[in-house]
Protein backbone atom coordinates (compact mmCIF):
# COMPACT_ATOMS: atom_id res chain seq x y z
CA MET A 1 27.23 42.15 -13.30
CA SER A 2 29.48 42.49 -10.25
CA ASN A 3 32.55 44.66 -10.04
CA VAL A 4 35.80 42.58 -9.81
CA PRO A 5 38.92 44.77 -9.44
CA SER A 6 41.90 43.16 -11.15
CA ASP A 7 44.43 44.26 -8.48
CA LEU A 8 42.88 42.04 -5.79
CA SER A 9 42.89 38.31 -5.05
CA TYR A 10 39.71 36.43 -4.17
CA THR A 11 38.35 33.29 -2.50
CA ASP A 12 35.52 31.05 -3.58
CA GLU A 13 33.82 32.12 -0.31
CA HIS A 14 33.56 35.67 -1.82
CA GLU A 15 36.24 37.53 0.14
CA TRP A 16 38.68 39.93 -1.52
CA ILE A 17 42.32 40.22 -0.43
CA LEU A 18 44.76 43.07 -0.98
CA LYS A 19 48.46 42.62 -0.24
CA GLU A 20 49.67 45.78 1.46
CA ALA A 21 53.14 47.32 1.16
CA ASP A 22 53.93 46.28 4.77
CA GLY A 23 53.29 42.62 3.93
CA THR A 24 49.93 42.38 5.68
CA TYR A 25 46.72 41.39 3.83
CA THR A 26 43.53 43.44 3.95
CA VAL A 27 40.30 41.42 3.65
CA GLY A 28 36.72 42.35 2.80
CA ILE A 29 33.68 40.79 1.16
CA THR A 30 33.11 41.17 -2.55
CA ASP A 31 30.56 43.24 -4.39
CA HIS A 32 28.97 39.98 -5.59
CA ALA A 33 28.59 38.82 -1.95
CA GLN A 34 27.02 42.04 -0.69
CA LYS A 35 24.57 42.11 -3.63
CA ASN A 36 23.44 38.57 -2.87
CA LEU A 37 23.18 39.19 0.88
CA GLY A 38 21.17 42.39 0.58
CA ASP A 39 21.24 45.19 3.14
CA LEU A 40 23.84 44.40 5.79
CA VAL A 41 22.74 45.02 9.40
CA PHE A 42 25.49 43.40 11.52
CA LEU A 43 29.15 42.37 11.34
CA GLU A 44 30.95 40.18 13.85
CA LEU A 45 34.64 40.34 13.14
CA PRO A 46 37.59 38.49 14.71
CA ALA A 47 39.52 40.09 17.58
CA VAL A 48 42.96 41.63 16.99
CA GLY A 49 45.54 39.03 17.96
CA LYS A 50 43.35 36.04 17.00
CA LYS A 51 45.20 33.27 15.22
CA VAL A 52 43.29 32.27 12.10
CA GLU A 53 43.51 29.41 9.64
CA ALA A 54 42.61 29.59 5.96
CA GLY A 55 39.14 28.25 5.22
CA TYR A 56 37.84 28.46 8.79
CA SER A 57 34.95 30.65 9.89
CA ILE A 58 36.17 33.69 11.85
CA GLY A 59 33.17 36.01 11.78
CA VAL A 60 29.61 36.60 10.71
CA VAL A 61 27.84 38.99 8.38
CA GLU A 62 24.11 39.41 8.83
CA SER A 63 21.77 40.98 6.35
CA VAL A 64 18.03 41.47 6.14
CA LYS A 65 17.98 38.16 4.22
CA ALA A 66 20.39 35.88 6.00
CA ALA A 67 23.44 35.35 8.20
CA SER A 68 26.62 34.06 6.58
CA ASP A 69 30.00 33.10 7.90
CA ILE A 70 33.10 35.08 7.05
CA TYR A 71 36.02 32.74 6.38
CA SER A 72 39.69 33.50 6.83
CA PRO A 73 41.30 33.56 3.41
CA LEU A 74 44.77 33.08 4.95
CA THR A 75 46.57 31.45 7.83
CA GLY A 76 48.08 33.96 10.26
CA GLU A 77 47.13 36.52 12.87
CA VAL A 78 44.53 39.29 12.80
CA VAL A 79 46.46 42.56 13.20
CA ALA A 80 43.64 45.09 12.69
CA VAL A 81 39.86 45.24 12.57
CA ASN A 82 37.78 47.92 10.92
CA GLU A 83 35.64 49.15 13.83
CA GLU A 84 33.86 51.64 11.55
CA ALA A 85 32.52 48.75 9.46
CA THR A 86 31.12 47.07 12.59
CA GLU A 87 29.41 50.34 13.55
CA SER A 88 28.10 50.97 10.01
CA PRO A 89 27.80 47.62 8.18
CA GLU A 90 25.78 49.32 5.45
CA ASP A 91 29.09 50.84 4.26
CA VAL A 92 29.87 47.43 2.76
CA ASN A 93 26.73 47.70 0.62
CA SER A 94 27.64 51.14 -0.66
CA ASP A 95 31.36 50.33 -1.27
CA ALA A 96 32.26 46.66 -0.88
CA PHE A 97 35.85 47.18 -2.08
CA GLY A 98 36.40 50.40 -0.15
CA THR A 99 35.23 48.94 3.17
CA TRP A 100 37.78 46.48 4.52
CA LEU A 101 36.91 44.19 7.45
CA PHE A 102 40.20 43.02 8.93
CA LYS A 103 43.93 42.64 8.22
CA ILE A 104 46.02 39.49 8.56
CA LYS A 105 49.74 39.00 8.99
CA LEU A 106 50.66 35.77 7.28
CA ALA A 107 52.02 32.99 9.49
CA ALA A 108 55.51 31.67 8.79
CA GLY A 109 55.30 29.10 6.01
CA ALA A 110 51.73 30.07 5.08
CA THR A 111 50.96 30.64 1.42
CA THR A 112 48.63 32.64 -0.82
CA ASP A 113 48.79 30.13 -3.70
CA HIS A 114 45.17 29.05 -3.20
CA LEU A 115 43.72 32.54 -3.81
CA LEU A 116 41.88 33.23 -7.06
CA SER A 117 42.83 35.82 -9.63
CA ALA A 118 40.24 38.35 -10.71
CA ALA A 119 39.71 36.40 -13.95
CA ASP A 120 39.17 33.14 -12.06
CA TYR A 121 36.80 34.82 -9.62
CA LYS A 122 34.80 36.32 -12.51
CA LYS A 123 34.40 32.82 -14.01
CA LEU A 124 33.16 31.58 -10.63
CA ILE A 125 30.43 34.20 -10.28
CA ASP A 126 29.36 34.64 -13.94
């Protein structure tokens, strides 16, 4: 059974989202996703400053099994990227919720209403 922290929001594409005190949103892939992908070998993350739209592919995660798109959970601008994760993608396997991938500043008028609660995400993966 996958770990699903209750203080995070989720997408049906298996990203987790944490609202930070400064109003930005930190994004990573879930424990469920990393278990299904297997050992991660490569991460391609969006550039800082990139404008992103919820639901659109903005990066790639590659494992020994497959390559999968990373989708933006929110509409806004990428304000930070975890360079350490790109250098050591295996960190996501050892701590999926402790290894963030990028941070987004929400665009004016954008919403988080479509994100899943931990309970809803659990139903999706169980």
